[in-house]
Amino acid sequence: MTVMTTNPSADQVQEYIFQLSERFPQAEIILSGYQIIGQDLDFPGNIRIMNYIRDIKQYLEELEHVMHEK
């Protein structure tokens, strides 16, 4: 999971997104933060955007529940 809070250029953010996706093709990559939400960016299929901290919290709680079932 990555929360973008710094102010890189849109080109740098886009390149970072592509690098994450390519480096971890089997992973579901969670992105959030001001530099991600509402920006004109392309997101590969393994990228999931979370707009609100409550969404991140809910996702982590669901993940924890799944992990405890295994």
N, C-alpha and C. Protein backbone atom coordinates (compact mmCIF):
# COMPACT_ATOMS: atom_id res chain seq x y z
N MET A 1 0.85 -1.16 0.00
CA MET A 1 0.00 0.00 0.00
C MET A 1 0.90 1.23 0.00
N THR A 2 0.51 2.23 -0.80
CA THR A 2 1.25 3.48 -0.88
C THR A 2 0.28 4.64 -0.75
N VAL A 3 0.61 5.59 0.12
CA VAL A 3 -0.14 6.84 0.22
C VAL A 3 0.79 7.95 -0.22
N MET A 4 0.43 8.60 -1.32
CA MET A 4 1.27 9.66 -1.88
C MET A 4 0.94 10.97 -1.17
N THR A 5 1.92 11.56 -0.47
CA THR A 5 1.69 12.81 0.25
C THR A 5 2.65 13.92 -0.16
N THR A 6 3.65 13.62 -0.95
CA THR A 6 4.59 14.64 -1.40
C THR A 6 4.07 15.27 -2.68
N ASN A 7 4.82 16.18 -3.27
CA ASN A 7 4.36 16.90 -4.45
C ASN A 7 5.20 16.64 -5.70
N PRO A 8 5.36 15.40 -6.12
CA PRO A 8 6.07 15.15 -7.38
C PRO A 8 5.19 15.59 -8.55
N SER A 9 5.81 15.76 -9.68
CA SER A 9 5.04 16.11 -10.88
C SER A 9 4.14 14.95 -11.29
N ALA A 10 3.12 15.25 -12.08
CA ALA A 10 2.21 14.20 -12.55
C ALA A 10 2.96 13.14 -13.33
N ASP A 11 3.96 13.55 -14.12
CA ASP A 11 4.76 12.58 -14.87
C ASP A 11 5.52 11.64 -13.95
N GLN A 12 6.05 12.17 -12.85
CA GLN A 12 6.77 11.33 -11.89
C GLN A 12 5.82 10.35 -11.20
N VAL A 13 4.64 10.82 -10.86
CA VAL A 13 3.65 9.95 -10.22
C VAL A 13 3.25 8.83 -11.18
N GLN A 14 3.00 9.20 -12.44
CA GLN A 14 2.60 8.20 -13.43
C GLN A 14 3.70 7.15 -13.60
N GLU A 15 4.93 7.59 -13.69
CA GLU A 15 6.05 6.65 -13.85
C GLU A 15 6.16 5.74 -12.63
N TYR A 16 5.98 6.28 -11.44
CA TYR A 16 6.02 5.49 -10.21
C TYR A 16 4.94 4.42 -10.22
N ILE A 17 3.73 4.79 -10.65
CA ILE A 17 2.62 3.84 -10.73
C ILE A 17 2.98 2.69 -11.68
N PHE A 18 3.48 3.03 -12.85
CA PHE A 18 3.85 1.99 -13.82
C PHE A 18 4.97 1.10 -13.28
N GLN A 19 5.95 1.70 -12.61
CA GLN A 19 7.05 0.91 -12.04
C GLN A 19 6.55 -0.06 -10.98
N LEU A 20 5.67 0.42 -10.10
CA LEU A 20 5.10 -0.47 -9.08
C LEU A 20 4.37 -1.64 -9.73
N SER A 21 3.54 -1.32 -10.72
CA SER A 21 2.76 -2.34 -11.39
C SER A 21 3.63 -3.37 -12.09
N GLU A 22 4.66 -2.91 -12.75
CA GLU A 22 5.56 -3.82 -13.47
C GLU A 22 6.42 -4.64 -12.52
N ARG A 23 6.84 -4.04 -11.43
CA ARG A 23 7.71 -4.75 -10.48
C ARG A 23 6.96 -5.81 -9.68
N PHE A 24 5.68 -5.56 -9.44
CA PHE A 24 4.86 -6.48 -8.64
C PHE A 24 3.60 -6.87 -9.42
N PRO A 25 3.75 -7.57 -10.54
CA PRO A 25 2.61 -7.85 -11.41
C PRO A 25 1.55 -8.76 -10.78
N GLN A 26 1.92 -9.58 -9.82
CA GLN A 26 0.97 -10.50 -9.19
C GLN A 26 0.30 -9.90 -7.97
N ALA A 27 0.72 -8.70 -7.57
CA ALA A 27 0.19 -8.07 -6.36
C ALA A 27 -0.96 -7.13 -6.69
N GLU A 28 -1.87 -7.00 -5.74
CA GLU A 28 -2.86 -5.94 -5.81
C GLU A 28 -2.24 -4.75 -5.09
N ILE A 29 -2.02 -3.67 -5.78
CA ILE A 29 -1.34 -2.49 -5.24
C ILE A 29 -2.40 -1.45 -4.89
N ILE A 30 -2.39 -1.03 -3.64
CA ILE A 30 -3.35 -0.07 -3.13
C ILE A 30 -2.69 1.30 -3.12
N LEU A 31 -3.33 2.28 -3.76
CA LEU A 31 -2.82 3.64 -3.79
C LEU A 31 -3.86 4.60 -3.26
N SER A 32 -3.39 5.62 -2.58
CA SER A 32 -4.26 6.67 -2.07
C SER A 32 -3.43 7.94 -1.92
N GLY A 33 -4.09 9.01 -1.57
CA GLY A 33 -3.39 10.27 -1.31
C GLY A 33 -3.71 11.32 -2.36
N TYR A 34 -3.43 12.54 -2.00
CA TYR A 34 -3.76 13.70 -2.84
C TYR A 34 -3.19 13.60 -4.25
N GLN A 35 -1.98 13.07 -4.39
CA GLN A 35 -1.34 13.00 -5.70
C GLN A 35 -1.94 11.91 -6.59
N ILE A 36 -2.79 11.08 -6.03
CA ILE A 36 -3.41 9.98 -6.77
C ILE A 36 -4.88 10.27 -7.07
N ILE A 37 -5.61 10.66 -6.04
CA ILE A 37 -7.06 10.83 -6.14
C ILE A 37 -7.38 12.07 -6.97
N GLY A 38 -8.24 11.87 -7.95
CA GLY A 38 -8.72 12.98 -8.76
C GLY A 38 -7.74 13.49 -9.79
N GLN A 39 -6.64 12.80 -9.98
CA GLN A 39 -5.64 13.21 -10.96
C GLN A 39 -5.91 12.48 -12.27
N ASP A 40 -5.43 13.03 -13.35
CA ASP A 40 -5.59 12.42 -14.67
C ASP A 40 -4.43 11.44 -14.90
N LEU A 41 -4.56 10.25 -14.30
CA LEU A 41 -3.50 9.24 -14.36
C LEU A 41 -4.07 7.95 -14.93
N ASP A 42 -3.20 7.13 -15.49
CA ASP A 42 -3.58 5.81 -15.99
C ASP A 42 -3.18 4.78 -14.94
N PHE A 43 -4.10 3.86 -14.65
CA PHE A 43 -3.85 2.84 -13.64
C PHE A 43 -3.93 1.46 -14.25
N PRO A 44 -2.83 0.71 -14.21
CA PRO A 44 -2.85 -0.67 -14.69
C PRO A 44 -3.85 -1.51 -13.88
N GLY A 45 -4.16 -2.69 -14.37
CA GLY A 45 -5.18 -3.54 -13.77
C GLY A 45 -4.92 -3.98 -12.35
N ASN A 46 -3.66 -4.03 -11.94
CA ASN A 46 -3.37 -4.49 -10.57
C ASN A 46 -3.28 -3.35 -9.56
N ILE A 47 -3.73 -2.16 -9.96
CA ILE A 47 -3.74 -1.00 -9.08
C ILE A 47 -5.16 -0.76 -8.61
N ARG A 48 -5.31 -0.57 -7.31
CA ARG A 48 -6.63 -0.25 -6.73
C ARG A 48 -6.51 1.09 -6.00
N ILE A 49 -7.42 2.00 -6.29
CA ILE A 49 -7.41 3.33 -5.69
C ILE A 49 -8.39 3.35 -4.53
N MET A 50 -7.95 3.95 -3.43
CA MET A 50 -8.83 4.12 -2.28
C MET A 50 -8.90 5.62 -1.98
N ASN A 51 -10.11 6.14 -2.05
CA ASN A 51 -10.31 7.58 -1.92
C ASN A 51 -10.30 8.09 -0.49
N TYR A 52 -10.68 7.25 0.45
CA TYR A 52 -10.85 7.69 1.83
C TYR A 52 -10.11 6.77 2.79
N ILE A 53 -9.67 7.34 3.90
CA ILE A 53 -8.97 6.55 4.92
C ILE A 53 -9.89 5.46 5.46
N ARG A 54 -11.19 5.72 5.52
CA ARG A 54 -12.12 4.68 6.00
C ARG A 54 -12.12 3.47 5.06
N ASP A 55 -11.92 3.71 3.75
CA ASP A 55 -11.84 2.60 2.80
C ASP A 55 -10.60 1.76 3.05
N ILE A 56 -9.51 2.42 3.36
CA ILE A 56 -8.26 1.71 3.66
C ILE A 56 -8.45 0.88 4.93
N LYS A 57 -9.03 1.50 5.95
CA LYS A 57 -9.27 0.81 7.22
C LYS A 57 -10.14 -0.42 7.00
N GLN A 58 -11.23 -0.26 6.26
CA GLN A 58 -12.14 -1.39 5.99
C GLN A 58 -11.42 -2.49 5.22
N TYR A 59 -10.63 -2.13 4.22
CA TYR A 59 -9.89 -3.11 3.44
C TYR A 59 -8.93 -3.90 4.33
N LEU A 60 -8.21 -3.21 5.20
CA LEU A 60 -7.26 -3.88 6.08
C LEU A 60 -7.98 -4.80 7.07
N GLU A 61 -9.13 -4.37 7.56
CA GLU A 61 -9.90 -5.22 8.46
C GLU A 61 -10.38 -6.48 7.75
N GLU A 62 -10.84 -6.33 6.50
CA GLU A 62 -11.26 -7.49 5.72
C GLU A 62 -10.09 -8.42 5.44
N LEU A 63 -8.95 -7.85 5.14
CA LEU A 63 -7.75 -8.65 4.89
C LEU A 63 -7.33 -9.41 6.14
N GLU A 64 -7.40 -8.73 7.27
CA GLU A 64 -7.05 -9.38 8.54
C GLU A 64 -8.01 -10.55 8.81
N HIS A 65 -9.28 -10.35 8.53
CA HIS A 65 -10.27 -11.41 8.73
C HIS A 65 -9.95 -12.62 7.85
N VAL A 66 -9.61 -12.39 6.60
CA VAL A 66 -9.27 -13.45 5.68
C VAL A 66 -8.02 -14.20 6.15
N MET A 67 -7.04 -13.46 6.61
CA MET A 67 -5.80 -14.07 7.07
C MET A 67 -6.03 -14.96 8.29
N HIS A 68 -6.95 -14.57 9.16
CA HIS A 68 -7.25 -15.37 10.34
C HIS A 68 -8.00 -16.66 9.99
N GLU A 69 -8.69 -16.65 8.87
CA GLU A 69 -9.44 -17.84 8.44
C GLU A 69 -8.51 -18.92 7.89
N LYS A 70 -7.33 -18.54 7.44
CA LYS A 70 -6.41 -19.51 6.82
C LYS A 70 -5.68 -20.32 7.84
